[in-house]
C-alpha atoms as a PDB file:
ATOM      1  CA  MET A   1      -0.778  -4.734 -55.514  1.00  0.00           C
ATOM      2  CA  THR A   2       0.408  -8.346 -55.371  1.00  0.00           C
ATOM      3  CA  GLY A   3       4.028  -7.250 -55.660  1.00  0.00           C
ATOM      4  CA  THR A   4       3.616  -4.732 -52.836  1.00  0.00           C
ATOM      5  CA  LEU A   5       1.952  -7.317 -50.592  1.00  0.00           C
ATOM      6  CA  LEU A   6       4.719  -9.834 -51.303  1.00  0.00           C
ATOM      7  CA  PHE A   7       7.355  -7.211 -50.479  1.00  0.00           C
ATOM      8  CA  LEU A   8       5.639  -6.368 -47.185  1.00  0.00           C
ATOM      9  CA  LEU A   9       5.386 -10.042 -46.263  1.00  0.00           C
ATOM     10  CA  LEU A  10       9.076 -10.568 -46.992  1.00  0.00           C
ATOM     11  CA  LEU A  11       9.971  -7.444 -45.010  1.00  0.00           C
ATOM     12  CA  PHE A  12       7.850  -8.576 -42.069  1.00  0.00           C
ATOM     13  CA  GLY A  13       9.448 -12.029 -42.201  1.00  0.00           C
ATOM     14  CA  LEU A  14      12.941 -10.513 -42.186  1.00  0.00           C
ATOM     15  CA  LEU A  15      12.133  -8.232 -39.271  1.00  0.00           C
ATOM     16  CA  PHE A  16      10.653 -11.141 -37.309  1.00  0.00           C
ATOM     17  CA  PHE A  17      13.742 -13.260 -38.015  1.00  0.00           C
ATOM     18  CA  LEU A  18      16.089 -10.505 -36.828  1.00  0.00           C
ATOM     19  CA  LEU A  19      13.958  -9.889 -33.744  1.00  0.00           C
ATOM     20  CA  SER A  20      13.947 -13.594 -32.852  1.00  0.00           C
ATOM     21  CA  LYS A  21      17.748 -13.499 -32.670  1.00  0.00           C
ATOM     22  CA  THR A  22      17.904 -10.825 -29.978  1.00  0.00           C
ATOM     23  CA  ALA A  23      18.596 -11.764 -26.356  1.00  0.00           C
ATOM     24  CA  SER A  24      15.521  -9.860 -25.215  1.00  0.00           C
ATOM     25  CA  TYR A  25      13.173 -11.801 -27.507  1.00  0.00           C
ATOM     26  CA  LYS A  26      14.745 -15.135 -26.575  1.00  0.00           C
ATOM     27  CA  GLY A  27      14.430 -14.338 -22.896  1.00  0.00           C
ATOM     28  CA  GLN A  28      10.759 -13.393 -23.227  1.00  0.00           C
ATOM     29  CA  ALA A  29      10.042 -16.494 -25.330  1.00  0.00           C
ATOM     30  CA  GLY A  30      11.595 -18.688 -22.645  1.00  0.00           C
ATOM     31  CA  GLU A  31       9.596 -16.976 -19.920  1.00  0.00           C
ATOM     32  CA  ARG A  32       6.353 -17.553 -21.846  1.00  0.00           C
ATOM     33  CA  LYS A  33       7.074 -21.288 -22.069  1.00  0.00           C
ATOM     34  CA  VAL A  34       7.607 -21.534 -18.320  1.00  0.00           C
ATOM     35  CA  ALA A  35       4.582 -19.303 -17.598  1.00  0.00           C
ATOM     36  CA  ARG A  36       2.302 -21.671 -19.535  1.00  0.00           C
ATOM     37  CA  LYS A  37       3.443 -24.559 -17.353  1.00  0.00           C
ATOM     38  CA  LEU A  38       2.986 -22.686 -14.099  1.00  0.00           C
ATOM     39  CA  ASN A  39      -0.392 -21.147 -14.960  1.00  0.00           C
ATOM     40  CA  PHE A  40      -2.070 -24.555 -14.976  1.00  0.00           C
ATOM     41  CA  PHE A  41      -0.203 -25.990 -12.017  1.00  0.00           C
ATOM     42  CA  GLY A  42      -1.905 -26.872  -8.750  1.00  0.00           C
ATOM     43  CA  LYS A  43      -3.350 -29.699  -6.697  1.00  0.00           C
ATOM     44  CA  ASN A  44      -6.759 -30.916  -5.626  1.00  0.00           C
ATOM     45  CA  GLY A  45      -8.460 -28.913  -8.351  1.00  0.00           C
ATOM     46  CA  LYS A  46      -6.937 -25.608  -7.222  1.00  0.00           C
ATOM     47  CA  ARG A  47      -4.472 -23.566  -9.232  1.00  0.00           C
ATOM     48  CA  TYR A  48      -1.744 -21.867  -7.269  1.00  0.00           C
ATOM     49  CA  PRO A  49      -1.321 -18.070  -7.568  1.00  0.00           C
ATOM     50  CA  THR A  50       1.383 -17.254 -10.092  1.00  0.00           C
ATOM     51  CA  PHE A  51       2.974 -13.975 -11.180  1.00  0.00           C
ATOM     52  CA  HIS A  52       5.185 -13.358 -14.191  1.00  0.00           C
ATOM     53  CA  ASN A  53       7.615 -10.634 -15.251  1.00  0.00           C
ATOM     54  CA  VAL A  54       7.263  -8.822 -11.940  1.00  0.00           C
ATOM     55  CA  THR A  55       9.147  -5.547 -11.538  1.00  0.00           C
ATOM     56  CA  LEU A  56       9.559  -4.434  -7.930  1.00  0.00           C
ATOM     57  CA  ARG A  57      11.179  -1.413  -6.391  1.00  0.00           C
ATOM     58  CA  THR A  58      14.111  -2.149  -4.095  1.00  0.00           C
ATOM     59  CA  PRO A  59      16.426   0.031  -1.985  1.00  0.00           C
ATOM     60  CA  ASP A  60      18.924  -0.157  -4.872  1.00  0.00           C
ATOM     61  CA  GLY A  61      16.403   0.754  -7.584  1.00  0.00           C
ATOM     62  CA  THR A  62      14.368  -2.037  -9.172  1.00  0.00           C
ATOM     63  CA  THR A  63      14.535  -5.768  -9.740  1.00  0.00           C
ATOM     64  CA  GLN A  64      12.722  -7.942 -12.284  1.00  0.00           C
ATOM     65  CA  ILE A  65      11.531 -11.418 -11.308  1.00  0.00           C
ATOM     66  CA  ASP A  66      10.598 -13.893 -14.032  1.00  0.00           C
ATOM     67  CA  HIS A  67       8.109 -16.014 -12.080  1.00  0.00           C
ATOM     68  CA  ILE A  68       6.652 -16.335  -8.584  1.00  0.00           C
ATOM     69  CA  LEU A  69       4.472 -19.274  -7.557  1.00  0.00           C
ATOM     70  CA  ILE A  70       2.826 -19.426  -4.123  1.00  0.00           C
ATOM     71  CA  SER A  71       1.671 -22.785  -2.809  1.00  0.00           C
ATOM     72  CA  PRO A  72       1.093 -24.463   0.567  1.00  0.00           C
ATOM     73  CA  TYR A  73       4.601 -25.888   0.149  1.00  0.00           C
ATOM     74  CA  GLY A  74       6.359 -22.542  -0.135  1.00  0.00           C
ATOM     75  CA  ILE A  75       7.047 -19.538  -2.334  1.00  0.00           C
ATOM     76  CA  PHE A  76       8.929 -20.478  -5.495  1.00  0.00           C
ATOM     77  CA  VAL A  77      10.993 -17.706  -7.091  1.00  0.00           C
ATOM     78  CA  ILE A  78      11.957 -18.877 -10.565  1.00  0.00           C
ATOM     79  CA  GLU A  79      14.609 -17.537 -12.943  1.00  0.00           C
ATOM     80  CA  THR A  80      14.364 -18.603 -16.618  1.00  0.00           C
ATOM     81  CA  LYS A  81      17.357 -19.026 -18.926  1.00  0.00           C
ATOM     82  CA  ASN A  82      16.693 -19.554 -22.634  1.00  0.00           C
ATOM     83  CA  LEU A  83      20.057 -20.781 -23.902  1.00  0.00           C
ATOM     84  CA  LYS A  84      21.410 -23.359 -26.304  1.00  0.00           C
ATOM     85  CA  GLY A  85      24.645 -25.318 -26.360  1.00  0.00           C
ATOM     86  CA  TRP A  86      26.565 -26.911 -23.515  1.00  0.00           C
ATOM     87  CA  ILE A  87      26.248 -25.373 -20.054  1.00  0.00           C
ATOM     88  CA  PHE A  88      29.051 -25.615 -17.513  1.00  0.00           C
ATOM     89  CA  GLY A  89      28.682 -24.340 -13.962  1.00  0.00           C
ATOM     90  CA  GLY A  90      28.703 -25.010 -10.247  1.00  0.00           C
ATOM     91  CA  GLU A  91      26.733 -23.740  -7.273  1.00  0.00           C
ATOM     92  CA  SER A  92      29.539 -21.537  -5.905  1.00  0.00           C
ATOM     93  CA  GLN A  93      31.090 -20.417  -9.201  1.00  0.00           C
ATOM     94  CA  ARG A  94      30.758 -16.701  -9.923  1.00  0.00           C
ATOM     95  CA  GLN A  95      30.340 -17.243 -13.657  1.00  0.00           C
ATOM     96  CA  TRP A  96      29.037 -20.124 -15.744  1.00  0.00           C
ATOM     97  CA  THR A  97      29.990 -20.961 -19.321  1.00  0.00           C
ATOM     98  CA  GLN A  98      27.873 -21.519 -22.421  1.00  0.00           C
ATOM     99  CA  THR A  99      29.690 -23.376 -25.210  1.00  0.00           C
ATOM    100  CA  ILE A 100      28.372 -23.379 -28.784  1.00  0.00           C
ATOM    101  CA  TYR A 101      30.741 -25.366 -30.989  1.00  0.00           C
ATOM    102  CA  LYS A 102      34.131 -23.748 -30.311  1.00  0.00           C
ATOM    103  CA  ASN A 103      32.733 -20.485 -28.987  1.00  0.00           C
ATOM    104  CA  LYS A 104      32.521 -19.885 -25.229  1.00  0.00           C
ATOM    105  CA  TYR A 105      30.406 -17.245 -23.503  1.00  0.00           C
ATOM    106  CA  LYS A 106      30.479 -16.320 -19.829  1.00  0.00           C
ATOM    107  CA  PHE A 107      27.324 -15.405 -17.907  1.00  0.00           C
ATOM    108  CA  GLN A 108      26.547 -14.685 -14.285  1.00  0.00           C
ATOM    109  CA  ASN A 109      25.720 -17.631 -12.057  1.00  0.00           C
ATOM    110  CA  PRO A 110      21.894 -17.591 -12.279  1.00  0.00           C
ATOM    111  CA  ILE A 111      21.580 -18.863  -8.703  1.00  0.00           C
ATOM    112  CA  PHE A 112      23.361 -15.725  -7.499  1.00  0.00           C
ATOM    113  CA  GLN A 113      21.249 -13.625  -9.865  1.00  0.00           C
ATOM    114  CA  ASN A 114      18.019 -15.075  -8.492  1.00  0.00           C
ATOM    115  CA  TYR A 115      19.184 -14.706  -4.888  1.00  0.00           C
ATOM    116  CA  LYS A 116      18.507 -10.969  -5.126  1.00  0.00           C
ATOM    117  CA  HIS A 117      14.947 -11.767  -6.221  1.00  0.00           C
ATOM    118  CA  VAL A 118      14.497 -14.132  -3.265  1.00  0.00           C
ATOM    119  CA  LYS A 119      15.655 -11.424  -0.859  1.00  0.00           C
ATOM    120  CA  ALA A 120      13.301  -8.889  -2.458  1.00  0.00           C
ATOM    121  CA  ILE A 121      10.352 -11.239  -1.953  1.00  0.00           C
ATOM    122  CA  GLU A 122      11.441 -12.011   1.616  1.00  0.00           C
ATOM    123  CA  LYS A 123      11.455  -8.303   2.462  1.00  0.00           C
ATOM    124  CA  LEU A 124       8.240  -7.505   0.591  1.00  0.00           C
ATOM    125  CA  LEU A 125       6.220 -10.278   2.238  1.00  0.00           C
ATOM    126  CA  ASN A 126       8.086 -10.311   5.562  1.00  0.00           C
ATOM    127  CA  ALA A 127       8.187 -14.059   5.014  1.00  0.00           C
ATOM    128  CA  ASN A 128      10.382 -16.769   6.497  1.00  0.00           C
ATOM    129  CA  ILE A 129      13.408 -17.152   4.194  1.00  0.00           C
ATOM    130  CA  ASN A 130      13.215 -20.930   4.746  1.00  0.00           C
ATOM    131  CA  HIS A 131       9.845 -20.902   2.985  1.00  0.00           C
ATOM    132  CA  ILE A 132      11.188 -19.190  -0.158  1.00  0.00           C
ATOM    133  CA  PHE A 133      12.872 -21.385  -2.765  1.00  0.00           C
ATOM    134  CA  ASN A 134      15.374 -20.277  -5.402  1.00  0.00           C
ATOM    135  CA  ILE A 135      14.836 -22.200  -8.649  1.00  0.00           C
ATOM    136  CA  VAL A 136      16.580 -21.766 -12.020  1.00  0.00           C
ATOM    137  CA  VAL A 137      15.040 -23.382 -15.110  1.00  0.00           C
ATOM    138  CA  PHE A 138      16.766 -23.712 -18.494  1.00  0.00           C
ATOM    139  CA  VAL A 139      14.657 -23.825 -21.640  1.00  0.00           C
ATOM    140  CA  GLY A 140      15.845 -24.117 -25.206  1.00  0.00           C
ATOM    141  CA  ARG A 141      18.346 -26.519 -26.721  1.00  0.00           C
ATOM    142  CA  SER A 142      20.862 -26.572 -23.916  1.00  0.00           C
ATOM    143  CA  LYS A 143      22.555 -29.482 -22.180  1.00  0.00           C
ATOM    144  CA  PHE A 144      24.192 -29.540 -18.780  1.00  0.00           C
ATOM    145  CA  LYS A 145      27.784 -30.779 -19.015  1.00  0.00           C
ATOM    146  CA  THR A 146      28.504 -30.587 -15.281  1.00  0.00           C
ATOM    147  CA  ASP A 147      26.518 -31.816 -12.304  1.00  0.00           C
ATOM    148  CA  MET A 148      24.042 -29.084 -11.433  1.00  0.00           C
ATOM    149  CA  PRO A 149      22.622 -28.206  -8.008  1.00  0.00           C
ATOM    150  CA  SER A 150      19.208 -29.753  -7.331  1.00  0.00           C
ATOM    151  CA  ASN A 151      17.478 -26.370  -7.800  1.00  0.00           C
ATOM    152  CA  VAL A 152      18.764 -25.957 -11.383  1.00  0.00           C
ATOM    153  CA  VAL A 153      16.635 -27.915 -13.862  1.00  0.00           C
ATOM    154  CA  THR A 154      15.385 -28.099 -17.427  1.00  0.00           C
ATOM    155  CA  LYS A 155      11.806 -27.153 -18.313  1.00  0.00           C
ATOM    156  CA  GLY A 156      10.597 -30.737 -18.220  1.00  0.00           C
ATOM    157  CA  SER A 157      11.866 -31.196 -14.662  1.00  0.00           C
ATOM    158  CA  LEU A 158      10.411 -27.971 -13.244  1.00  0.00           C
ATOM    159  CA  ILE A 159       7.010 -29.289 -12.133  1.00  0.00           C
ATOM    160  CA  PRO A 160       8.467 -32.528 -10.692  1.00  0.00           C
ATOM    161  CA  LEU A 161      10.922 -30.394  -8.692  1.00  0.00           C
ATOM    162  CA  ILE A 162       8.130 -28.252  -7.257  1.00  0.00           C
ATOM    163  CA  ASN A 163       6.139 -31.397  -6.519  1.00  0.00           C
ATOM    164  CA  SER A 164       9.085 -32.774  -4.556  1.00  0.00           C
ATOM    165  CA  TYR A 165       8.381 -30.282  -1.771  1.00  0.00           C
ATOM    166  CA  LYS A 166       6.029 -32.207   0.526  1.00  0.00           C
ATOM    167  CA  SER A 167       5.867 -30.176   3.764  1.00  0.00           C
ATOM    168  CA  GLU A 168       3.012 -27.677   3.981  1.00  0.00           C
ATOM    169  CA  VAL A 169       4.444 -24.458   5.390  1.00  0.00           C
ATOM    170  CA  LEU A 170       1.851 -21.878   4.269  1.00  0.00           C
ATOM    171  CA  SER A 171      -1.809 -21.677   5.220  1.00  0.00           C
ATOM    172  CA  SER A 172      -4.601 -20.595   2.896  1.00  0.00           C
ATOM    173  CA  GLU A 173      -4.591 -17.247   4.681  1.00  0.00           C
ATOM    174  CA  ASN A 174      -0.834 -16.891   4.112  1.00  0.00           C
ATOM    175  CA  ILE A 175      -1.259 -17.582   0.410  1.00  0.00           C
ATOM    176  CA  LYS A 176      -4.103 -15.093   0.093  1.00  0.00           C
ATOM    177  CA  ASN A 177      -2.273 -12.321   1.957  1.00  0.00           C
ATOM    178  CA  TYR A 178       0.998 -12.867   0.102  1.00  0.00           C
ATOM    179  CA  SER A 179      -0.803 -12.796  -3.254  1.00  0.00           C
ATOM    180  CA  LEU A 180      -2.556  -9.542  -2.391  1.00  0.00           C
ATOM    181  CA  THR A 181       0.720  -7.997  -1.242  1.00  0.00           C
ATOM    182  CA  ILE A 182       2.458  -8.897  -4.494  1.00  0.00           C
ATOM    183  CA  GLU A 183      -0.451  -7.581  -6.564  1.00  0.00           C
ATOM    184  CA  LYS A 184      -0.285  -4.250  -4.734  1.00  0.00           C
ATOM    185  CA  ALA A 185       3.499  -4.053  -5.031  1.00  0.00           C
ATOM    186  CA  ILE A 186       3.723  -4.819  -8.730  1.00  0.00           C
ATOM    187  CA  THR A 187       4.753  -1.691 -10.586  1.00  0.00           C
ATOM    188  CA  SER A 188       4.258  -2.316 -14.288  1.00  0.00           C
ATOM    189  CA  THR A 189       4.242   1.258 -15.597  1.00  0.00           C
ATOM    190  CA  GLU A 190       6.479   2.132 -18.524  1.00  0.00           C
ATOM    191  CA  PHE A 191       8.397   4.519 -16.261  1.00  0.00           C
ATOM    192  CA  THR A 192       9.316   1.704 -13.871  1.00  0.00           C
ATOM    193  CA  LYS A 193      10.300  -0.601 -16.725  1.00  0.00           C
ATOM    194  CA  ASN A 194      12.508   2.102 -18.236  1.00  0.00           C
ATOM    195  CA  GLU A 195      13.976   2.739 -14.812  1.00  0.00           C
ATOM    196  CA  HIS A 196      14.757  -0.962 -14.451  1.00  0.00           C
ATOM    197  CA  ILE A 197      16.456  -1.050 -17.871  1.00  0.00           C
ATOM    198  CA  ALA A 198      18.538   1.954 -16.862  1.00  0.00           C
ATOM    199  CA  ASN A 199      19.565   0.179 -13.650  1.00  0.00           C
ATOM    200  CA  ILE A 200      20.636  -2.891 -15.624  1.00  0.00           C
ATOM    201  CA  LYS A 201      22.811  -0.795 -17.937  1.00  0.00           C
ATOM    202  CA  ARG A 202      24.295   1.076 -14.994  1.00  0.00           C
ATOM    203  CA  ASN A 203      25.209  -2.143 -13.181  1.00  0.00           C
ATOM    204  CA  LYS A 204      26.160  -4.188 -16.245  1.00  0.00           C
ATOM    205  CA  THR A 205      29.837  -3.941 -15.401  1.00  0.00           C
ATOM    206  CA  SER A 206      29.326  -4.354 -11.662  1.00  0.00           C
ATOM    207  CA  PRO A 207      32.166  -6.111  -9.822  1.00  0.00           C
ATOM    208  CA  ILE A 208      31.858  -9.429  -8.039  1.00  0.00           C
ATOM    209  CA  CYS A 209      31.931  -9.420  -4.241  1.00  0.00           C
ATOM    210  CA  PRO A 210      35.432 -10.512  -3.143  1.00  0.00           C
ATOM    211  CA  ARG A 211      33.987 -12.090   0.004  1.00  0.00           C
ATOM    212  CA  CYS A 212      31.013 -14.199  -1.140  1.00  0.00           C
ATOM    213  CA  GLY A 213      31.065 -14.053  -4.958  1.00  0.00           C
ATOM    214  CA  LYS A 214      27.673 -12.386  -5.421  1.00  0.00           C
ATOM    215  CA  PRO A 215      27.331  -9.371  -7.765  1.00  0.00           C
ATOM    216  CA  MET A 216      27.794  -5.957  -6.181  1.00  0.00           C
ATOM    217  CA  VAL A 217      25.329  -3.080  -6.603  1.00  0.00           C
ATOM    218  CA  ILE A 218      25.642   0.682  -6.332  1.00  0.00           C
ATOM    219  CA  ARG A 219      24.551   2.129  -3.002  1.00  0.00           C
ATOM    220  CA  LYS A 220      24.668   5.602  -1.488  1.00  0.00           C
ATOM    221  CA  ALA A 221      26.084   6.378   1.959  1.00  0.00           C
ATOM    222  CA  LYS A 222      23.424   7.850   4.244  1.00  0.00           C
ATOM    223  CA  LYS A 223      25.615   9.169   7.043  1.00  0.00           C
ATOM    224  CA  GLY A 224      29.157   9.908   8.098  1.00  0.00           C
ATOM    225  CA  SER A 225      31.822  11.828   6.223  1.00  0.00           C
ATOM    226  CA  ASN A 226      30.896  10.067   2.979  1.00  0.00           C
ATOM    227  CA  ALA A 227      27.159  10.818   3.187  1.00  0.00           C
ATOM    228  CA  GLY A 228      25.667  11.181  -0.291  1.00  0.00           C
ATOM    229  CA  LYS A 229      28.557   9.423  -2.022  1.00  0.00           C
ATOM    230  CA  GLU A 230      28.013   6.240  -4.036  1.00  0.00           C
ATOM    231  CA  PHE A 231      29.880   2.996  -3.385  1.00  0.00           C
ATOM    232  CA  TRP A 232      29.721  -0.670  -4.338  1.00  0.00           C
ATOM    233  CA  GLY A 233      27.950  -2.900  -1.800  1.00  0.00           C
ATOM    234  CA  CYS A 234      27.333  -6.653  -1.873  1.00  0.00           C
ATOM    235  CA  SER A 235      23.864  -7.639  -3.130  1.00  0.00           C
ATOM    236  CA  GLY A 236      23.840 -10.248  -0.374  1.00  0.00           C
ATOM    237  CA  PHE A 237      23.557  -7.552   2.329  1.00  0.00           C
ATOM    238  CA  PRO A 238      22.909  -7.881   5.267  1.00  0.00           C
ATOM    239  CA  THR A 239      24.312 -11.436   5.230  1.00  0.00           C
ATOM    240  CA  CYS A 240      27.436 -10.096   3.545  1.00  0.00           C
ATOM    241  CA  LYS A 241      28.497  -6.514   4.317  1.00  0.00           C
ATOM    242  CA  ALA A 242      31.458  -6.242   1.945  1.00  0.00           C
ATOM    243  CA  THR A 243      31.908  -2.855   0.241  1.00  0.00           C
ATOM    244  CA  LYS A 244      34.163  -1.404  -2.414  1.00  0.00           C
ATOM    245  CA  ARG A 245      34.990   2.150  -3.467  1.00  0.00           C
ATOM    246  CA  LYS A 246      33.378   3.272  -6.693  1.00  0.00           C
ATOM    247  CA  GLY A 247      35.706   4.426  -9.395  1.00  0.00           C
END
C-alpha cells in the first residue's frame, strides 16, 4: 500500500511539473496573480468592479480579455504576460523579443494584442474610447531591456499606474450600468471557450497589417461580387480599413 501511494505521489508530482511548464498554465498563473491584486483594489472603502478571463463574442468570432477594472477614473483593460528573461520592444514595433540566455523568441506586441480587447469593450459598452485604457502587465522573472511605453509595467507597478489616473470620468451610475452590461455579455460556456480556442488556432498565422502593423483577422464579405468569400481585414477596423486576399 505504501509503495502504491508513493508511486501515485511521484506520478502526480511529475504531471504537475510537466503541466507547470506549459504556456497555458503559465498564462493562467500570471492572470491569477494580477487578479488577486485587482480584487482588493479600490478607494474610500469601496472595491471597484473587476472581471477576469472574460470571453466575449465579436463580429470576427470571440476574444478573451484577461482583466477589466471599472473605476470613476476609467475602464482599465489589462493584458497579462507571464514571461521570464529579457524583454525588448517598442510601442510601434509589430513584434517584441524575449531573450533567455542565447535563445530569442518573438511574440506579438501585447499593446496591439490588447487593442482588440479595448475596441471590443468600447463597442459592448458604447463607451467613450478616451475613457478606456490599454494596460499591459508583465509578471514572472522578466526584465525590460528597452524603454517601455508608460502603459507597460511590471506587477508591482500596476496599482500605482492605475492610481496615477486622477480625473473622474465615470459616474456611479456609469459604473453600475457598465458592470451589468459586462455581466450579461460574458459567455463562459464550454462551447464558447472551445470556439475561442478554435479561432486562435485559425488565426495563429495571421499576417500583420501592412498599413498600421496590427494583426489581421479573417472576415467575410457581405455584399458585392465577393459576397460570402473570406478575406484578411485589419483588426484596427474601422480606424484602419486595410484588407488582403486570403490564400
